[in-house]
């Protein structure tokens, strides 16, 4: 299983109300809350897409679009340069 990892210069920091993704090279900042925070935290701890998807299915068994939503979020992070 391929692990997801943040791009060079990207730092994830936990805050009381969620998390912050900060790119030290570009100065871009993204605040994460709720499910996005959980996904970013799992990435920070070395999780891969499949592991994250399994956890989301465990937490939200009645949601039918988890896989598409996760893939869209990963794609967004990659487009912003937050994921390698």
N, C-alpha and C. Protein backbone atom coordinates (compact mmCIF):
# COMPACT_ATOMS: atom_id res chain seq x y z
N UNK A 1 0.85 -1.19 0.00
CA UNK A 1 0.00 0.00 0.00
C UNK A 1 0.88 1.24 0.00
N UNK A 2 0.63 2.11 -0.92
CA UNK A 2 1.42 3.34 -1.05
C UNK A 2 1.01 4.36 0.01
N UNK A 3 1.99 4.87 0.70
CA UNK A 3 1.74 5.89 1.73
C UNK A 3 1.63 7.24 1.06
N UNK A 4 0.78 8.08 1.59
CA UNK A 4 0.69 9.46 1.13
C UNK A 4 1.66 10.26 1.97
N UNK A 5 2.26 11.27 1.36
CA UNK A 5 3.15 12.12 2.15
C UNK A 5 3.07 13.55 1.64
N UNK A 6 3.32 14.45 2.58
CA UNK A 6 3.27 15.86 2.23
C UNK A 6 4.45 16.23 1.36
N UNK A 7 4.24 17.24 0.53
CA UNK A 7 5.28 17.71 -0.36
C UNK A 7 6.42 18.37 0.41
N UNK A 8 7.50 18.58 -0.29
CA UNK A 8 8.66 19.25 0.30
C UNK A 8 8.25 20.64 0.77
N UNK A 9 8.58 20.95 2.00
CA UNK A 9 8.27 22.27 2.54
C UNK A 9 6.87 22.41 3.11
N UNK A 10 6.09 21.33 3.11
CA UNK A 10 4.72 21.39 3.64
C UNK A 10 4.72 20.81 5.05
N UNK A 11 4.12 21.56 5.96
CA UNK A 11 4.06 21.17 7.36
C UNK A 11 2.60 21.10 7.79
N UNK A 12 2.24 20.05 8.51
CA UNK A 12 0.90 19.92 9.08
C UNK A 12 1.03 20.14 10.59
N UNK A 13 0.19 21.01 11.12
CA UNK A 13 0.23 21.29 12.55
C UNK A 13 -1.17 21.21 13.13
N UNK A 14 -1.28 20.47 14.23
CA UNK A 14 -2.57 20.36 14.94
C UNK A 14 -2.79 21.60 15.76
N UNK A 15 -4.02 22.08 15.72
CA UNK A 15 -4.45 23.24 16.49
C UNK A 15 -5.70 22.84 17.27
N UNK A 16 -6.09 23.60 18.29
CA UNK A 16 -7.28 23.24 19.07
C UNK A 16 -8.55 23.08 18.24
N UNK A 17 -8.71 23.86 17.20
CA UNK A 17 -9.94 23.81 16.42
C UNK A 17 -9.79 23.04 15.11
N UNK A 18 -8.68 22.35 14.89
CA UNK A 18 -8.46 21.63 13.65
C UNK A 18 -6.98 21.53 13.35
N UNK A 19 -6.62 21.80 12.12
CA UNK A 19 -5.22 21.72 11.72
C UNK A 19 -4.89 22.75 10.66
N UNK A 20 -3.60 22.91 10.46
CA UNK A 20 -3.11 23.86 9.45
C UNK A 20 -2.10 23.14 8.57
N UNK A 21 -2.29 23.27 7.27
CA UNK A 21 -1.29 22.84 6.30
C UNK A 21 -0.59 24.10 5.82
N UNK A 22 0.71 24.16 6.03
CA UNK A 22 1.46 25.36 5.67
C UNK A 22 2.60 24.98 4.75
N UNK A 23 2.70 25.66 3.61
CA UNK A 23 3.80 25.45 2.68
C UNK A 23 4.82 26.55 2.94
N UNK A 24 5.95 26.19 3.52
CA UNK A 24 6.95 27.20 3.88
C UNK A 24 7.61 27.83 2.66
N UNK A 25 7.56 27.14 1.52
CA UNK A 25 8.17 27.67 0.30
C UNK A 25 7.30 28.72 -0.38
N UNK A 26 5.98 28.52 -0.34
CA UNK A 26 5.08 29.44 -1.04
C UNK A 26 4.31 30.36 -0.09
N UNK A 27 4.29 30.00 1.19
CA UNK A 27 3.53 30.79 2.16
C UNK A 27 2.05 30.47 2.17
N UNK A 28 1.62 29.49 1.36
CA UNK A 28 0.19 29.17 1.33
C UNK A 28 -0.21 28.42 2.60
N UNK A 29 -1.43 28.69 3.01
CA UNK A 29 -1.95 28.16 4.26
C UNK A 29 -3.33 27.59 4.01
N UNK A 30 -3.60 26.41 4.54
CA UNK A 30 -4.92 25.81 4.41
C UNK A 30 -5.34 25.30 5.78
N UNK A 31 -6.48 25.76 6.26
CA UNK A 31 -7.03 25.31 7.53
C UNK A 31 -7.88 24.07 7.27
N UNK A 32 -7.71 23.05 8.11
CA UNK A 32 -8.49 21.83 7.98
C UNK A 32 -9.30 21.61 9.25
N UNK A 33 -10.54 21.17 9.04
CA UNK A 33 -11.44 20.89 10.16
C UNK A 33 -12.19 19.60 9.86
N UNK A 34 -12.78 19.03 10.88
CA UNK A 34 -13.64 17.87 10.70
C UNK A 34 -12.94 16.71 10.01
N UNK A 35 -13.60 16.16 8.99
CA UNK A 35 -13.08 15.00 8.28
C UNK A 35 -11.76 15.32 7.59
N UNK A 36 -11.64 16.52 7.03
CA UNK A 36 -10.38 16.91 6.37
C UNK A 36 -9.22 16.90 7.37
N UNK A 37 -9.49 17.36 8.59
CA UNK A 37 -8.46 17.32 9.63
C UNK A 37 -8.05 15.88 9.91
N UNK A 38 -9.04 15.00 10.05
CA UNK A 38 -8.74 13.59 10.31
C UNK A 38 -7.91 12.97 9.20
N UNK A 39 -8.23 13.28 7.96
CA UNK A 39 -7.47 12.75 6.83
C UNK A 39 -6.04 13.28 6.86
N UNK A 40 -5.88 14.57 7.08
CA UNK A 40 -4.54 15.17 7.14
C UNK A 40 -3.73 14.59 8.29
N UNK A 41 -4.38 14.34 9.42
CA UNK A 41 -3.69 13.75 10.56
C UNK A 41 -3.23 12.33 10.23
N UNK A 42 -4.07 11.56 9.54
CA UNK A 42 -3.68 10.20 9.15
C UNK A 42 -2.52 10.23 8.16
N UNK A 43 -2.54 11.17 7.22
CA UNK A 43 -1.42 11.33 6.29
C UNK A 43 -0.15 11.66 7.06
N UNK A 44 -0.27 12.56 8.02
CA UNK A 44 0.88 12.96 8.84
C UNK A 44 1.46 11.77 9.60
N UNK A 45 0.62 10.80 9.92
CA UNK A 45 1.06 9.61 10.64
C UNK A 45 1.42 8.45 9.72
N UNK A 46 1.56 8.73 8.42
CA UNK A 46 2.06 7.73 7.49
C UNK A 46 1.03 6.84 6.83
N UNK A 47 -0.24 7.20 6.90
CA UNK A 47 -1.28 6.37 6.29
C UNK A 47 -1.31 6.54 4.78
N UNK A 48 -1.76 5.50 4.12
CA UNK A 48 -1.99 5.53 2.68
C UNK A 48 -3.47 5.68 2.38
N UNK A 49 -3.79 5.83 1.11
CA UNK A 49 -5.17 6.02 0.69
C UNK A 49 -6.08 4.91 1.18
N UNK A 50 -5.67 3.66 1.01
CA UNK A 50 -6.53 2.53 1.38
C UNK A 50 -6.79 2.49 2.88
N UNK A 51 -5.78 2.75 3.66
CA UNK A 51 -5.94 2.78 5.12
C UNK A 51 -6.91 3.89 5.54
N UNK A 52 -6.77 5.05 4.92
CA UNK A 52 -7.67 6.17 5.22
C UNK A 52 -9.09 5.82 4.83
N UNK A 53 -9.26 5.23 3.65
CA UNK A 53 -10.59 4.87 3.18
C UNK A 53 -11.26 3.85 4.12
N UNK A 54 -10.51 2.86 4.57
CA UNK A 54 -11.06 1.89 5.51
C UNK A 54 -11.52 2.55 6.81
N UNK A 55 -10.72 3.48 7.30
CA UNK A 55 -11.09 4.19 8.53
C UNK A 55 -12.35 5.03 8.31
N UNK A 56 -12.43 5.71 7.18
CA UNK A 56 -13.61 6.51 6.89
C UNK A 56 -14.86 5.64 6.79
N UNK A 57 -14.74 4.47 6.17
CA UNK A 57 -15.88 3.56 6.06
C UNK A 57 -16.31 3.05 7.43
N UNK A 58 -15.34 2.88 8.32
CA UNK A 58 -15.65 2.45 9.69
C UNK A 58 -16.39 3.56 10.44
N UNK A 59 -15.94 4.80 10.26
CA UNK A 59 -16.53 5.93 10.97
C UNK A 59 -17.86 6.38 10.38
N UNK A 60 -18.01 6.24 9.07
CA UNK A 60 -19.20 6.73 8.36
C UNK A 60 -19.79 5.63 7.47
N UNK A 61 -20.31 4.56 8.06
CA UNK A 61 -20.76 3.41 7.27
C UNK A 61 -21.94 3.69 6.34
N UNK A 62 -22.69 4.72 6.61
CA UNK A 62 -23.87 5.00 5.78
C UNK A 62 -23.59 5.96 4.62
N UNK A 63 -22.37 6.47 4.55
CA UNK A 63 -22.01 7.39 3.47
C UNK A 63 -21.64 6.60 2.21
N UNK A 64 -22.22 6.96 1.10
CA UNK A 64 -21.99 6.22 -0.15
C UNK A 64 -20.91 6.82 -1.05
N UNK A 65 -20.46 8.02 -0.75
CA UNK A 65 -19.52 8.69 -1.65
C UNK A 65 -18.14 8.88 -1.03
N UNK A 66 -17.81 8.08 0.00
CA UNK A 66 -16.53 8.27 0.70
C UNK A 66 -15.33 8.15 -0.24
N UNK A 67 -15.33 7.14 -1.09
CA UNK A 67 -14.19 6.93 -1.97
C UNK A 67 -14.01 8.10 -2.93
N UNK A 68 -15.10 8.55 -3.53
CA UNK A 68 -15.02 9.68 -4.46
C UNK A 68 -14.62 10.96 -3.73
N UNK A 69 -15.18 11.15 -2.53
CA UNK A 69 -14.83 12.35 -1.75
C UNK A 69 -13.37 12.33 -1.34
N UNK A 70 -12.87 11.17 -0.90
CA UNK A 70 -11.46 11.07 -0.52
C UNK A 70 -10.56 11.33 -1.72
N UNK A 71 -10.87 10.73 -2.85
CA UNK A 71 -10.05 10.93 -4.05
C UNK A 71 -10.06 12.40 -4.48
N UNK A 72 -11.20 13.05 -4.37
CA UNK A 72 -11.28 14.47 -4.72
C UNK A 72 -10.43 15.31 -3.77
N UNK A 73 -10.45 14.98 -2.49
CA UNK A 73 -9.65 15.72 -1.51
C UNK A 73 -8.16 15.50 -1.76
N UNK A 74 -7.76 14.26 -2.02
CA UNK A 74 -6.35 13.96 -2.32
C UNK A 74 -5.92 14.71 -3.58
N UNK A 75 -6.77 14.70 -4.59
CA UNK A 75 -6.46 15.41 -5.85
C UNK A 75 -6.29 16.91 -5.58
N UNK A 76 -7.16 17.48 -4.76
CA UNK A 76 -7.08 18.91 -4.41
C UNK A 76 -5.76 19.21 -3.69
N UNK A 77 -5.38 18.35 -2.75
CA UNK A 77 -4.12 18.56 -2.03
C UNK A 77 -2.92 18.47 -2.98
N UNK A 78 -2.98 17.55 -3.93
CA UNK A 78 -1.90 17.41 -4.91
C UNK A 78 -1.82 18.65 -5.81
N UNK A 79 -2.99 19.13 -6.26
CA UNK A 79 -3.01 20.31 -7.13
C UNK A 79 -2.46 21.54 -6.42
N UNK A 80 -2.69 21.63 -5.12
CA UNK A 80 -2.19 22.77 -4.34
C UNK A 80 -0.73 22.58 -3.92
N UNK A 81 -0.16 21.42 -4.25
CA UNK A 81 1.23 21.16 -3.90
C UNK A 81 1.43 20.69 -2.47
N UNK A 82 0.35 20.38 -1.76
CA UNK A 82 0.46 19.95 -0.38
C UNK A 82 0.90 18.47 -0.29
N UNK A 83 0.53 17.67 -1.28
CA UNK A 83 0.93 16.26 -1.31
C UNK A 83 1.95 16.03 -2.40
N UNK A 84 2.89 15.16 -2.11
CA UNK A 84 3.94 14.81 -3.09
C UNK A 84 3.36 13.88 -4.13
